Amino acid sequence: MFMTCAIIFSYGVYQAIYEEMAEDSDSPFAGTSSSILSLIGTLSIAIMSMGGPFVMTWAKLYGPQPVIMSGGLVFGLGCILASLSQYVWEFALTQGLLVGLGTCMAYVPTMSVVPTWFDKRRGLAMGIVISGSACGGMIWPPVLRAITSHIGFRNALRISGCLVIFFVPLSGCTLGWEPKFKNKVSGQIAGLSKMTGWIKVPLIDWEVAKTKKFVAQALGCFLQSAGYSTPLFFYAAFAQSLGYSSSMADNFITISNAANFVSRIVIGYAADKFGRLNVLFLTTIISSVVVFAFWLPSTFVDNTVPHTAADVLFIIFAISYGSFGAAYISLFLLA
């Protein structure tokens, strides 16, 4: 989680860098709008989730370890190829598509293996594991900005890619199914060939898909995911519009992830104690409220809101949204 999801969720650093480079006629991003640039990060997050059904089939067929290890290689390759890219569409394919696929291959099996080993304290266990992405989110933004400032964003991509190639396979080799669940998986893949099974499209159980609970949960996840990544990508860019330096602007990503790191563990514990759906409902409502209560008013800086007030509002938003916004990622898996 520290090496994959954390880097994706730190894309806001690259978003700000690419927006700065868009003003340079000699850069690969010359004249590109911020909305187009955000598609690179959006694509990676989308693939991270959309590839889940396929990746789960691979994890059941071959085991989670080789899939996670391969995910680290794909992620690293995506970063390295992105460092060689010259056009926006190439960044979309490498830093977007390949990095997203690599994250999916590491993230989905990990989040599927962990719950099989826990029962009563499952929410707490998941909170601790997924807090790795928030911990990485505190460290990666200043590191990426420092590397970029000294040796360029291309070398930042290469260095992060090489680190992922080394560390993710190393950690992935330790993650195996719980023995009883492994027996259950063996029954699910009975008759599926290891030679051709990886291309099989997972069939939908329409009896389950048509239930109200499934539709409600799928719709909720869709809507939450649609809005969740926007602040992540624009923390730094918006902070720069408030007058912060590039290094200080990246600190808003770090602040948000610091709050996220603590809250994921606390929220995981609360989910065990008060019910996962109850906590999910509460955190989702709070994350929605803080957008309208804090970030939206801060956008009216120098119009109806004084500059100092806008700064305070945005700082409060970064902490509040970091604390509650990402809870759905772990709680939806447990609901």
C-alpha atoms as a PDB file:
ATOM      1  CA  MET A   1       0.000   0.000   0.000  1.00  0.00           C
ATOM      2  CA  PHE A   2       2.902   2.339   0.843  1.00  0.00           C
ATOM      3  CA  MET A   3       4.506   1.840  -2.570  1.00  0.00           C
ATOM      4  CA  THR A   4       1.511   1.589  -4.921  1.00  0.00           C
ATOM      5  CA  CYS A   5      -1.694   3.308  -3.764  1.00  0.00           C
ATOM      6  CA  ALA A   6       0.305   6.010  -1.985  1.00  0.00           C
ATOM      7  CA  ILE A   7       2.035   7.039  -5.202  1.00  0.00           C
ATOM      8  CA  ILE A   8      -1.249   7.114  -7.121  1.00  0.00           C
ATOM      9  CA  PHE A   9      -2.876   9.192  -4.390  1.00  0.00           C
ATOM     10  CA  SER A  10       0.130  11.550  -4.555  1.00  0.00           C
ATOM     11  CA  TYR A  11      -0.539  12.296  -8.212  1.00  0.00           C
ATOM     12  CA  GLY A  12      -1.503  15.810  -7.133  1.00  0.00           C
ATOM     13  CA  VAL A  13       2.233  16.587  -7.055  1.00  0.00           C
ATOM     14  CA  TYR A  14       2.579  15.609 -10.716  1.00  0.00           C
ATOM     15  CA  GLN A  15      -0.656  17.453 -11.525  1.00  0.00           C
ATOM     16  CA  ALA A  16       0.839  20.690 -10.189  1.00  0.00           C
ATOM     17  CA  ILE A  17       4.165  20.039 -11.949  1.00  0.00           C
ATOM     18  CA  TYR A  18       2.496  19.257 -15.267  1.00  0.00           C
ATOM     19  CA  GLU A  19       0.301  22.369 -15.011  1.00  0.00           C
ATOM     20  CA  GLU A  20       3.447  24.468 -14.508  1.00  0.00           C
ATOM     21  CA  MET A  21       5.070  22.780 -17.514  1.00  0.00           C
ATOM     22  CA  ALA A  22       1.962  23.374 -19.634  1.00  0.00           C
ATOM     23  CA  GLU A  23       3.006  27.035 -19.822  1.00  0.00           C
ATOM     24  CA  ASP A  24       6.319  26.033 -21.406  1.00  0.00           C
ATOM     25  CA  SER A  25       6.048  25.651 -25.182  1.00  0.00           C
ATOM     26  CA  ASP A  26       8.904  23.126 -25.238  1.00  0.00           C
ATOM     27  CA  SER A  27       7.438  20.710 -22.674  1.00  0.00           C
ATOM     28  CA  PRO A  28       5.383  17.571 -23.463  1.00  0.00           C
ATOM     29  CA  PHE A  29       2.382  19.250 -21.780  1.00  0.00           C
ATOM     30  CA  ALA A  30       2.503  22.576 -23.646  1.00  0.00           C
ATOM     31  CA  GLY A  31      -0.951  24.148 -23.862  1.00  0.00           C
ATOM     32  CA  THR A  32      -2.671  21.189 -22.157  1.00  0.00           C
ATOM     33  CA  SER A  33      -5.551  22.067 -19.844  1.00  0.00           C
ATOM     34  CA  SER A  34      -5.603  20.965 -16.206  1.00  0.00           C
ATOM     35  CA  SER A  35      -8.681  18.816 -16.843  1.00  0.00           C
ATOM     36  CA  ILE A  36      -6.842  16.837 -19.537  1.00  0.00           C
ATOM     37  CA  LEU A  37      -3.797  16.437 -17.295  1.00  0.00           C
ATOM     38  CA  SER A  38      -5.990  15.139 -14.481  1.00  0.00           C
ATOM     39  CA  LEU A  39      -7.122  12.314 -16.771  1.00  0.00           C
ATOM     40  CA  ILE A  40      -3.712  10.684 -16.286  1.00  0.00           C
ATOM     41  CA  GLY A  41      -4.297  10.266 -12.557  1.00  0.00           C
ATOM     42  CA  THR A  42      -8.000   9.578 -12.991  1.00  0.00           C
ATOM     43  CA  LEU A  43      -7.234   6.752 -15.423  1.00  0.00           C
ATOM     44  CA  SER A  44      -4.842   5.119 -12.963  1.00  0.00           C
ATOM     45  CA  ILE A  45      -7.406   5.192 -10.145  1.00  0.00           C
ATOM     46  CA  ALA A  46     -10.147   3.934 -12.482  1.00  0.00           C
ATOM     47  CA  ILE A  47      -8.077   0.973 -13.676  1.00  0.00           C
ATOM     48  CA  MET A  48      -7.104   0.246 -10.070  1.00  0.00           C
ATOM     49  CA  SER A  49     -10.773  -0.543  -9.367  1.00  0.00           C
ATOM     50  CA  MET A  50     -12.153  -1.630 -12.754  1.00  0.00           C
ATOM     51  CA  GLY A  51      -9.588  -4.410 -13.138  1.00  0.00           C
ATOM     52  CA  GLY A  52     -10.664  -5.964  -9.850  1.00  0.00           C
ATOM     53  CA  PRO A  53     -12.853  -8.811 -11.218  1.00  0.00           C
ATOM     54  CA  PHE A  54     -10.100  -9.973 -13.570  1.00  0.00           C
ATOM     55  CA  VAL A  55      -7.311  -9.636 -10.998  1.00  0.00           C
ATOM     56  CA  MET A  56      -9.318 -11.604  -8.427  1.00  0.00           C
ATOM     57  CA  THR A  57      -9.691 -14.422 -10.952  1.00  0.00           C
ATOM     58  CA  TRP A  58      -5.920 -14.403 -11.474  1.00  0.00           C
ATOM     59  CA  ALA A  59      -5.310 -14.393  -7.709  1.00  0.00           C
ATOM     60  CA  LYS A  60      -7.608 -17.385  -7.228  1.00  0.00           C
ATOM     61  CA  LEU A  61      -6.125 -19.238 -10.176  1.00  0.00           C
ATOM     62  CA  TYR A  62      -2.413 -18.656  -9.580  1.00  0.00           C
ATOM     63  CA  GLY A  63      -2.362 -17.478  -5.974  1.00  0.00           C
ATOM     64  CA  PRO A  64      -2.120 -13.899  -4.656  1.00  0.00           C
ATOM     65  CA  GLN A  65       1.684 -13.872  -4.357  1.00  0.00           C
ATOM     66  CA  PRO A  66       2.600 -14.069  -8.081  1.00  0.00           C
ATOM     67  CA  VAL A  67      -0.154 -11.593  -8.987  1.00  0.00           C
ATOM     68  CA  ILE A  68       1.006  -9.026  -6.420  1.00  0.00           C
ATOM     69  CA  MET A  69       4.638  -9.516  -7.420  1.00  0.00           C
ATOM     70  CA  SER A  70       3.749  -9.079 -11.104  1.00  0.00           C
ATOM     71  CA  GLY A  71       1.778  -5.960 -10.176  1.00  0.00           C
ATOM     72  CA  GLY A  72       4.931  -4.389  -8.747  1.00  0.00           C
ATOM     73  CA  LEU A  73       6.757  -5.082 -12.001  1.00  0.00           C
ATOM     74  CA  VAL A  74       3.939  -3.631 -14.140  1.00  0.00           C
ATOM     75  CA  PHE A  75       3.705  -0.539 -11.924  1.00  0.00           C
ATOM     76  CA  GLY A  76       7.446   0.060 -12.067  1.00  0.00           C
ATOM     77  CA  LEU A  77       7.525  -0.481 -15.821  1.00  0.00           C
ATOM     78  CA  GLY A  78       4.708   2.065 -16.221  1.00  0.00           C
ATOM     79  CA  CYS A  79       6.685   4.697 -14.284  1.00  0.00           C
ATOM     80  CA  ILE A  80       9.891   4.045 -16.224  1.00  0.00           C
ATOM     81  CA  LEU A  81       8.111   4.181 -19.585  1.00  0.00           C
ATOM     82  CA  ALA A  82       6.356   7.385 -18.486  1.00  0.00           C
ATOM     83  CA  SER A  83       9.774   8.925 -17.856  1.00  0.00           C
ATOM     84  CA  LEU A  84      10.523   8.346 -21.550  1.00  0.00           C
ATOM     85  CA  SER A  85       7.183   9.680 -22.844  1.00  0.00           C
ATOM     86  CA  GLN A  86       6.980  12.777 -25.053  1.00  0.00           C
ATOM     87  CA  TYR A  87       3.223  13.225 -25.550  1.00  0.00           C
ATOM     88  CA  VAL A  88       0.262  13.482 -23.185  1.00  0.00           C
ATOM     89  CA  TRP A  89      -1.364  10.354 -24.624  1.00  0.00           C
ATOM     90  CA  GLU A  90       1.816   8.418 -23.858  1.00  0.00           C
ATOM     91  CA  PHE A  91       1.664   9.562 -20.233  1.00  0.00           C
ATOM     92  CA  ALA A  92      -1.980   8.455 -20.144  1.00  0.00           C
ATOM     93  CA  LEU A  93      -1.012   4.956 -21.324  1.00  0.00           C
ATOM     94  CA  THR A  94       2.011   4.587 -19.040  1.00  0.00           C
ATOM     95  CA  GLN A  95       1.513   6.669 -15.882  1.00  0.00           C
ATOM     96  CA  GLY A  96      -2.238   6.165 -16.230  1.00  0.00           C
ATOM     97  CA  LEU A  97      -3.078   2.736 -17.671  1.00  0.00           C
ATOM     98  CA  LEU A  98       0.010   0.675 -16.739  1.00  0.00           C
ATOM     99  CA  VAL A  99       0.460   2.222 -13.290  1.00  0.00           C
ATOM    100  CA  GLY A 100      -3.261   1.708 -12.610  1.00  0.00           C
ATOM    101  CA  LEU A 101      -3.092  -1.938 -13.711  1.00  0.00           C
ATOM    102  CA  GLY A 102      -0.013  -2.555 -11.584  1.00  0.00           C
ATOM    103  CA  THR A 103      -1.722  -0.994  -8.574  1.00  0.00           C
ATOM    104  CA  CYS A 104      -4.815  -3.100  -9.168  1.00  0.00           C
ATOM    105  CA  MET A 105      -2.716  -6.280  -9.282  1.00  0.00           C
ATOM    106  CA  ALA A 106      -1.109  -5.374  -5.953  1.00  0.00           C
ATOM    107  CA  TYR A 107      -4.065  -3.725  -4.203  1.00  0.00           C
ATOM    108  CA  VAL A 108      -6.989  -6.063  -4.939  1.00  0.00           C
ATOM    109  CA  PRO A 109      -5.341  -9.343  -3.847  1.00  0.00           C
ATOM    110  CA  THR A 110      -3.904  -7.668  -0.739  1.00  0.00           C
ATOM    111  CA  MET A 111      -7.310  -6.327   0.290  1.00  0.00           C
ATOM    112  CA  SER A 112      -8.807  -9.762  -0.389  1.00  0.00           C
ATOM    113  CA  VAL A 113      -6.193 -11.772   1.518  1.00  0.00           C
ATOM    114  CA  VAL A 114      -6.246  -9.738   4.738  1.00  0.00           C
ATOM    115  CA  PRO A 115      -9.940 -10.219   5.689  1.00  0.00           C
ATOM    116  CA  THR A 116      -9.611 -14.010   5.371  1.00  0.00           C
ATOM    117  CA  TRP A 117      -7.265 -14.052   8.382  1.00  0.00           C
ATOM    118  CA  PHE A 118      -9.454 -11.970  10.727  1.00  0.00           C
ATOM    119  CA  ASP A 119     -12.982 -12.093  12.094  1.00  0.00           C
ATOM    120  CA  LYS A 120     -13.814 -10.033  15.187  1.00  0.00           C
ATOM    121  CA  ARG A 121     -11.112  -7.411  14.562  1.00  0.00           C
ATOM    122  CA  ARG A 122     -11.354  -7.418  10.785  1.00  0.00           C
ATOM    123  CA  GLY A 123     -12.128  -3.705  10.502  1.00  0.00           C
ATOM    124  CA  LEU A 124      -9.149  -2.792  12.678  1.00  0.00           C
ATOM    125  CA  ALA A 125      -6.868  -5.113  10.715  1.00  0.00           C
ATOM    126  CA  MET A 126      -7.998  -3.640   7.411  1.00  0.00           C
ATOM    127  CA  GLY A 127      -7.593  -0.129   8.798  1.00  0.00           C
ATOM    128  CA  ILE A 128      -3.982  -0.848   9.791  1.00  0.00           C
ATOM    129  CA  VAL A 129      -3.125  -2.411   6.435  1.00  0.00           C
ATOM    130  CA  ILE A 130      -4.741   0.257   4.289  1.00  0.00           C
ATOM    131  CA  SER A 131      -3.203   3.006   6.434  1.00  0.00           C
ATOM    132  CA  GLY A 132       0.006   2.113   4.601  1.00  0.00           C
ATOM    133  CA  SER A 133      -1.238   4.144   1.643  1.00  0.00           C
ATOM    134  CA  ALA A 134      -1.831   7.143   3.924  1.00  0.00           C
ATOM    135  CA  CYS A 135       1.600   6.697   5.525  1.00  0.00           C
ATOM    136  CA  GLY A 136       3.143   6.660   2.057  1.00  0.00           C
ATOM    137  CA  GLY A 137       1.012   9.655   1.173  1.00  0.00           C
ATOM    138  CA  MET A 138       2.759  11.624   3.927  1.00  0.00           C
ATOM    139  CA  ILE A 139       6.208  10.792   2.592  1.00  0.00           C
ATOM    140  CA  TRP A 140       5.911  10.631  -1.202  1.00  0.00           C
ATOM    141  CA  PRO A 141       4.730  14.216  -1.977  1.00  0.00           C
ATOM    142  CA  PRO A 142       7.766  16.010  -0.466  1.00  0.00           C
ATOM    143  CA  VAL A 143      10.091  13.293  -1.769  1.00  0.00           C
ATOM    144  CA  LEU A 144       8.745  13.541  -5.320  1.00  0.00           C
ATOM    145  CA  ARG A 145       8.898  17.336  -5.232  1.00  0.00           C
ATOM    146  CA  ALA A 146      12.473  17.270  -3.897  1.00  0.00           C
ATOM    147  CA  ILE A 147      13.623  14.821  -6.580  1.00  0.00           C
ATOM    148  CA  THR A 148      11.867  16.845  -9.272  1.00  0.00           C
ATOM    149  CA  SER A 149      13.417  20.098  -8.072  1.00  0.00           C
ATOM    150  CA  HIS A 150      16.940  18.676  -8.162  1.00  0.00           C
ATOM    151  CA  ILE A 151      17.039  16.210 -11.059  1.00  0.00           C
ATOM    152  CA  GLY A 152      13.703  16.560 -12.885  1.00  0.00           C
ATOM    153  CA  PHE A 153      10.310  14.847 -12.899  1.00  0.00           C
ATOM    154  CA  ARG A 154      11.497  12.133 -15.295  1.00  0.00           C
ATOM    155  CA  ASN A 155      14.063  10.933 -12.787  1.00  0.00           C
ATOM    156  CA  ALA A 156      11.400  11.083 -10.071  1.00  0.00           C
ATOM    157  CA  LEU A 157       9.336   8.645 -12.151  1.00  0.00           C
ATOM    158  CA  ARG A 158      12.346   6.371 -12.719  1.00  0.00           C
ATOM    159  CA  ILE A 159      13.379   6.306  -9.075  1.00  0.00           C
ATOM    160  CA  SER A 160       9.859   5.625  -7.783  1.00  0.00           C
ATOM    161  CA  GLY A 161       9.393   2.940 -10.456  1.00  0.00           C
ATOM    162  CA  CYS A 162      12.602   1.144  -9.481  1.00  0.00           C
ATOM    163  CA  LEU A 163      11.699   1.262  -5.780  1.00  0.00           C
ATOM    164  CA  VAL A 164       8.279  -0.253  -6.516  1.00  0.00           C
ATOM    165  CA  ILE A 165       9.844  -3.010  -8.636  1.00  0.00           C
ATOM    166  CA  PHE A 166      12.051  -3.930  -5.672  1.00  0.00           C
ATOM    167  CA  PHE A 167       9.755  -3.561  -2.652  1.00  0.00           C
ATOM    168  CA  VAL A 168       6.314  -4.691  -3.892  1.00  0.00           C
ATOM    169  CA  PRO A 169       7.417  -8.181  -5.045  1.00  0.00           C
ATOM    170  CA  LEU A 170       9.386  -8.490  -1.800  1.00  0.00           C
ATOM    171  CA  SER A 171       6.301  -7.803   0.334  1.00  0.00           C
ATOM    172  CA  GLY A 172       3.902  -9.600  -2.008  1.00  0.00           C
ATOM    173  CA  CYS A 173       5.632 -12.947  -1.594  1.00  0.00           C
ATOM    174  CA  THR A 174       4.461 -13.064   2.055  1.00  0.00           C
ATOM    175  CA  LEU A 175       0.728 -12.787   1.318  1.00  0.00           C
ATOM    176  CA  GLY A 176      -1.118 -16.089   1.029  1.00  0.00           C
ATOM    177  CA  TRP A 177      -4.704 -17.207   1.480  1.00  0.00           C
ATOM    178  CA  GLU A 178      -5.884 -18.343   4.890  1.00  0.00           C
ATOM    179  CA  PRO A 179      -5.945 -22.204   4.726  1.00  0.00           C
ATOM    180  CA  LYS A 180      -9.732 -22.620   4.998  1.00  0.00           C
ATOM    181  CA  PHE A 181     -10.347 -19.869   2.448  1.00  0.00           C
ATOM    182  CA  LYS A 182      -7.740 -21.445   0.165  1.00  0.00           C
ATOM    183  CA  ASN A 183      -9.780 -24.657   0.144  1.00  0.00           C
ATOM    184  CA  LYS A 184     -12.866 -22.627  -0.731  1.00  0.00           C
ATOM    185  CA  VAL A 185     -10.988 -20.942  -3.587  1.00  0.00           C
ATOM    186  CA  SER A 186      -9.874 -24.326  -4.901  1.00  0.00           C
ATOM    187  CA  GLY A 187     -13.528 -25.301  -5.274  1.00  0.00           C
ATOM    188  CA  GLN A 188     -14.370 -22.056  -7.073  1.00  0.00           C
ATOM    189  CA  ILE A 189     -11.689 -22.518  -9.740  1.00  0.00           C
ATOM    190  CA  ALA A 190     -12.253 -26.247 -10.243  1.00  0.00           C
ATOM    191  CA  GLY A 191     -12.170 -26.993 -13.980  1.00  0.00           C
ATOM    192  CA  LEU A 192     -10.525 -23.683 -14.863  1.00  0.00           C
ATOM    193  CA  SER A 193      -7.341 -24.154 -16.885  1.00  0.00           C
ATOM    194  CA  LYS A 194      -4.243 -22.260 -15.743  1.00  0.00           C
ATOM    195  CA  MET A 195      -3.229 -21.899 -19.381  1.00  0.00           C
ATOM    196  CA  THR A 196      -6.381 -20.125 -20.548  1.00  0.00           C
ATOM    197  CA  GLY A 197      -8.139 -19.170 -17.304  1.00  0.00           C
ATOM    198  CA  TRP A 198      -6.467 -15.763 -17.102  1.00  0.00           C
ATOM    199  CA  ILE A 199      -8.431 -14.520 -20.127  1.00  0.00           C
ATOM    200  CA  LYS A 200     -11.788 -15.757 -18.845  1.00  0.00           C
ATOM    201  CA  VAL A 201     -14.255 -12.962 -18.181  1.00  0.00           C
ATOM    202  CA  PRO A 202     -15.750 -13.401 -14.682  1.00  0.00           C
ATOM    203  CA  LEU A 203     -19.450 -14.175 -15.006  1.00  0.00           C
ATOM    204  CA  ILE A 204     -21.930 -12.009 -13.177  1.00  0.00           C
ATOM    205  CA  ASP A 205     -24.284 -13.673 -10.720  1.00  0.00           C
ATOM    206  CA  TRP A 206     -27.424 -11.874 -11.850  1.00  0.00           C
ATOM    207  CA  GLU A 207     -29.418 -13.113  -8.872  1.00  0.00           C
ATOM    208  CA  VAL A 208     -27.044 -11.199  -6.618  1.00  0.00           C
ATOM    209  CA  ALA A 209     -26.612  -8.242  -8.991  1.00  0.00           C
ATOM    210  CA  LYS A 210     -30.355  -7.607  -9.075  1.00  0.00           C
ATOM    211  CA  THR A 211     -30.757  -7.414  -5.310  1.00  0.00           C
ATOM    212  CA  LYS A 212     -31.443  -4.007  -3.759  1.00  0.00           C
ATOM    213  CA  LYS A 213     -28.457  -4.290  -1.433  1.00  0.00           C
ATOM    214  CA  PHE A 214     -26.033  -4.921  -4.288  1.00  0.00           C
ATOM    215  CA  VAL A 215     -27.439  -2.107  -6.436  1.00  0.00           C
ATOM    216  CA  ALA A 216     -27.360   0.323  -3.506  1.00  0.00           C
ATOM    217  CA  GLN A 217     -23.778  -0.562  -2.592  1.00  0.00           C
ATOM    218  CA  ALA A 218     -22.569  -0.444  -6.206  1.00  0.00           C
ATOM    219  CA  LEU A 219     -24.248   2.932  -6.766  1.00  0.00           C
ATOM    220  CA  GLY A 220     -22.833   4.300  -3.527  1.00  0.00           C
ATOM    221  CA  CYS A 221     -19.324   3.155  -4.436  1.00  0.00           C
ATOM    222  CA  PHE A 222     -19.664   4.653  -7.919  1.00  0.00           C
ATOM    223  CA  LEU A 223     -20.756   8.049  -6.634  1.00  0.00           C
ATOM    224  CA  GLN A 224     -18.198   8.130  -3.822  1.00  0.00           C
ATOM    225  CA  SER A 225     -15.348   7.165  -6.145  1.00  0.00           C
ATOM    226  CA  ALA A 226     -16.413   9.792  -8.674  1.00  0.00           C
ATOM    227  CA  GLY A 227     -15.883  12.583  -6.180  1.00  0.00           C
ATOM    228  CA  TYR A 228     -13.158  11.246  -3.907  1.00  0.00           C
ATOM    229  CA  SER A 229     -10.142  11.693  -6.189  1.00  0.00           C
ATOM    230  CA  THR A 230     -10.823  15.344  -7.138  1.00  0.00           C
ATOM    231  CA  PRO A 231      -9.315  16.899  -3.984  1.00  0.00           C
ATOM    232  CA  LEU A 232      -6.376  14.478  -4.124  1.00  0.00           C
ATOM    233  CA  PHE A 233      -5.379  15.680  -7.571  1.00  0.00           C
ATOM    234  CA  PHE A 234      -5.934  19.394  -6.968  1.00  0.00           C
ATOM    235  CA  TYR A 235      -4.708  19.931  -3.396  1.00  0.00           C
ATOM    236  CA  ALA A 236      -1.332  21.239  -4.558  1.00  0.00           C
ATOM    237  CA  ALA A 237      -2.573  23.156  -7.596  1.00  0.00           C
ATOM    238  CA  PHE A 238      -5.282  24.926  -5.579  1.00  0.00           C
ATOM    239  CA  ALA A 239      -2.848  25.734  -2.761  1.00  0.00           C
ATOM    240  CA  GLN A 240      -0.552  27.362  -5.328  1.00  0.00           C
ATOM    241  CA  SER A 241      -3.480  29.481  -6.504  1.00  0.00           C
ATOM    242  CA  LEU A 242      -3.750  30.717  -2.902  1.00  0.00           C
ATOM    243  CA  GLY A 243      -0.158  31.932  -3.125  1.00  0.00           C
ATOM    244  CA  TYR A 244       1.730  29.035  -1.547  1.00  0.00           C
ATOM    245  CA  SER A 245       5.068  27.956  -3.007  1.00  0.00           C
ATOM    246  CA  SER A 246       5.214  24.624  -4.841  1.00  0.00           C
ATOM    247  CA  SER A 247       6.910  22.855  -1.913  1.00  0.00           C
ATOM    248  CA  MET A 248       4.461  24.307   0.617  1.00  0.00           C
ATOM    249  CA  ALA A 249       1.513  23.423  -1.641  1.00  0.00           C
ATOM    250  CA  ASP A 250       2.584  19.761  -1.654  1.00  0.00           C
ATOM    251  CA  ASN A 251       2.415  19.820   2.139  1.00  0.00           C
ATOM    252  CA  PHE A 252      -1.375  19.921   1.910  1.00  0.00           C
ATOM    253  CA  ILE A 253      -1.269  16.400   0.437  1.00  0.00           C
ATOM    254  CA  THR A 254       1.000  15.364   3.296  1.00  0.00           C
ATOM    255  CA  ILE A 255      -1.280  16.971   5.904  1.00  0.00           C
ATOM    256  CA  SER A 256      -4.333  15.238   4.466  1.00  0.00           C
ATOM    257  CA  ASN A 257      -2.607  11.858   4.438  1.00  0.00           C
ATOM    258  CA  ALA A 258      -1.328  12.336   7.984  1.00  0.00           C
ATOM    259  CA  ALA A 259      -4.918  12.766   9.138  1.00  0.00           C
ATOM    260  CA  ASN A 260      -5.888   9.840   6.922  1.00  0.00           C
ATOM    261  CA  PHE A 261      -3.240   7.586   8.492  1.00  0.00           C
ATOM    262  CA  VAL A 262      -4.651   8.019  11.999  1.00  0.00           C
ATOM    263  CA  SER A 263      -8.302   8.000  11.011  1.00  0.00           C
ATOM    264  CA  ARG A 264      -8.153   4.753   9.010  1.00  0.00           C
ATOM    265  CA  ILE A 265      -7.044   2.834  12.076  1.00  0.00           C
ATOM    266  CA  VAL A 266      -9.553   4.574  14.368  1.00  0.00           C
ATOM    267  CA  ILE A 267     -12.386   4.177  11.857  1.00  0.00           C
ATOM    268  CA  GLY A 268     -11.499   0.507  11.374  1.00  0.00           C
ATOM    269  CA  TYR A 269     -11.811  -0.009  15.135  1.00  0.00           C
ATOM    270  CA  ALA A 270     -15.092   1.942  15.209  1.00  0.00           C
ATOM    271  CA  ALA A 271     -16.449  -0.221  12.370  1.00  0.00           C
ATOM    272  CA  ASP A 272     -15.918  -3.341  14.485  1.00  0.00           C
ATOM    273  CA  LYS A 273     -17.619  -1.733  17.466  1.00  0.00           C
ATOM    274  CA  PHE A 274     -20.565   0.142  15.928  1.00  0.00           C
ATOM    275  CA  GLY A 275     -21.135  -1.642  12.621  1.00  0.00           C
ATOM    276  CA  ARG A 276     -19.376  -1.163   9.292  1.00  0.00           C
ATOM    277  CA  LEU A 277     -22.305   0.273   7.357  1.00  0.00           C
ATOM    278  CA  ASN A 278     -23.154   2.667  10.195  1.00  0.00           C
ATOM    279  CA  VAL A 279     -19.610   4.044  10.236  1.00  0.00           C
ATOM    280  CA  LEU A 280     -19.512   4.118   6.425  1.00  0.00           C
ATOM    281  CA  PHE A 281     -22.713   6.173   6.314  1.00  0.00           C
ATOM    282  CA  LEU A 282     -21.427   8.619   8.939  1.00  0.00           C
ATOM    283  CA  THR A 283     -17.998   9.162   7.369  1.00  0.00           C
ATOM    284  CA  THR A 284     -19.472   9.610   3.887  1.00  0.00           C
ATOM    285  CA  ILE A 285     -21.890  12.258   5.121  1.00  0.00           C
ATOM    286  CA  ILE A 286     -19.123  14.107   6.989  1.00  0.00           C
ATOM    287  CA  SER A 287     -16.775  14.057   3.977  1.00  0.00           C
ATOM    288  CA  SER A 288     -19.536  15.553   1.833  1.00  0.00           C
ATOM    289  CA  VAL A 289     -20.308  18.259   4.371  1.00  0.00           C
ATOM    290  CA  VAL A 290     -16.689  19.394   4.722  1.00  0.00           C
ATOM    291  CA  VAL A 291     -16.433  19.948   0.953  1.00  0.00           C
ATOM    292  CA  PHE A 292     -19.296  22.428   1.035  1.00  0.00           C
ATOM    293  CA  ALA A 293     -18.450  23.878   4.437  1.00  0.00           C
ATOM    294  CA  PHE A 294     -14.714  24.468   3.975  1.00  0.00           C
ATOM    295  CA  TRP A 295     -13.319  23.966   0.456  1.00  0.00           C
ATOM    296  CA  LEU A 296     -16.125  25.658  -1.486  1.00  0.00           C
ATOM    297  CA  PRO A 297     -16.008  28.910   0.545  1.00  0.00           C
ATOM    298  CA  SER A 298     -12.196  29.016   0.206  1.00  0.00           C
ATOM    299  CA  THR A 299     -12.559  29.234  -3.589  1.00  0.00           C
ATOM    300  CA  PHE A 300     -14.125  32.697  -3.199  1.00  0.00           C
ATOM    301  CA  VAL A 301     -10.829  34.138  -1.968  1.00  0.00           C
ATOM    302  CA  ASP A 302     -10.431  37.907  -2.500  1.00  0.00           C
ATOM    303  CA  ASN A 303     -14.060  38.141  -3.635  1.00  0.00           C
ATOM    304  CA  THR A 304     -16.294  37.518  -0.647  1.00  0.00           C
ATOM    305  CA  VAL A 305     -13.750  35.669   1.525  1.00  0.00           C
ATOM    306  CA  PRO A 306     -10.548  37.320   2.869  1.00  0.00           C
ATOM    307  CA  HIS A 307      -7.283  35.618   1.943  1.00  0.00           C
ATOM    308  CA  THR A 308      -6.457  34.644   5.537  1.00  0.00           C
ATOM    309  CA  ALA A 309      -9.886  33.089   5.999  1.00  0.00           C
ATOM    310  CA  ALA A 310      -9.474  31.119   2.757  1.00  0.00           C
ATOM    311  CA  ASP A 311      -6.165  29.729   4.026  1.00  0.00           C
ATOM    312  CA  VAL A 312      -7.739  28.625   7.299  1.00  0.00           C
ATOM    313  CA  LEU A 313     -10.724  27.072   5.557  1.00  0.00           C
ATOM    314  CA  PHE A 314      -8.520  25.087   3.183  1.00  0.00           C
ATOM    315  CA  ILE A 315      -6.273  23.818   5.982  1.00  0.00           C
ATOM    316  CA  ILE A 316      -9.332  22.664   7.939  1.00  0.00           C
ATOM    317  CA  PHE A 317     -10.655  21.015   4.786  1.00  0.00           C
ATOM    318  CA  ALA A 318      -7.385  19.147   4.125  1.00  0.00           C
ATOM    319  CA  ILE A 319      -7.401  17.710   7.651  1.00  0.00           C
ATOM    320  CA  SER A 320     -11.145  16.940   7.773  1.00  0.00           C
ATOM    321  CA  TYR A 321     -11.356  15.396   4.310  1.00  0.00           C
ATOM    322  CA  GLY A 322      -8.209  13.389   4.950  1.00  0.00           C
ATOM    323  CA  SER A 323      -9.771  12.047   8.137  1.00  0.00           C
ATOM    324  CA  PHE A 324     -13.129  10.977   6.697  1.00  0.00           C
ATOM    325  CA  GLY A 325     -13.021  10.957   2.888  1.00  0.00           C
ATOM    326  CA  ALA A 326     -11.069   7.734   2.322  1.00  0.00           C
ATOM    327  CA  ALA A 327     -12.960   5.591   4.827  1.00  0.00           C
ATOM    328  CA  TYR A 328     -15.142   4.120   2.084  1.00  0.00           C
ATOM    329  CA  ILE A 329     -12.119   2.418   0.469  1.00  0.00           C
ATOM    330  CA  SER A 330     -11.712  -0.018   3.358  1.00  0.00           C
ATOM    331  CA  LEU A 331     -15.280  -0.066   4.684  1.00  0.00           C
ATOM    332  CA  PHE A 332     -16.870  -0.935   1.334  1.00  0.00           C
ATOM    333  CA  LEU A 333     -14.684  -4.032   1.211  1.00  0.00           C
ATOM    334  CA  LEU A 334     -16.029  -5.092   4.597  1.00  0.00           C
ATOM    335  CA  ALA A 335     -19.658  -4.053   4.251  1.00  0.00           C
END
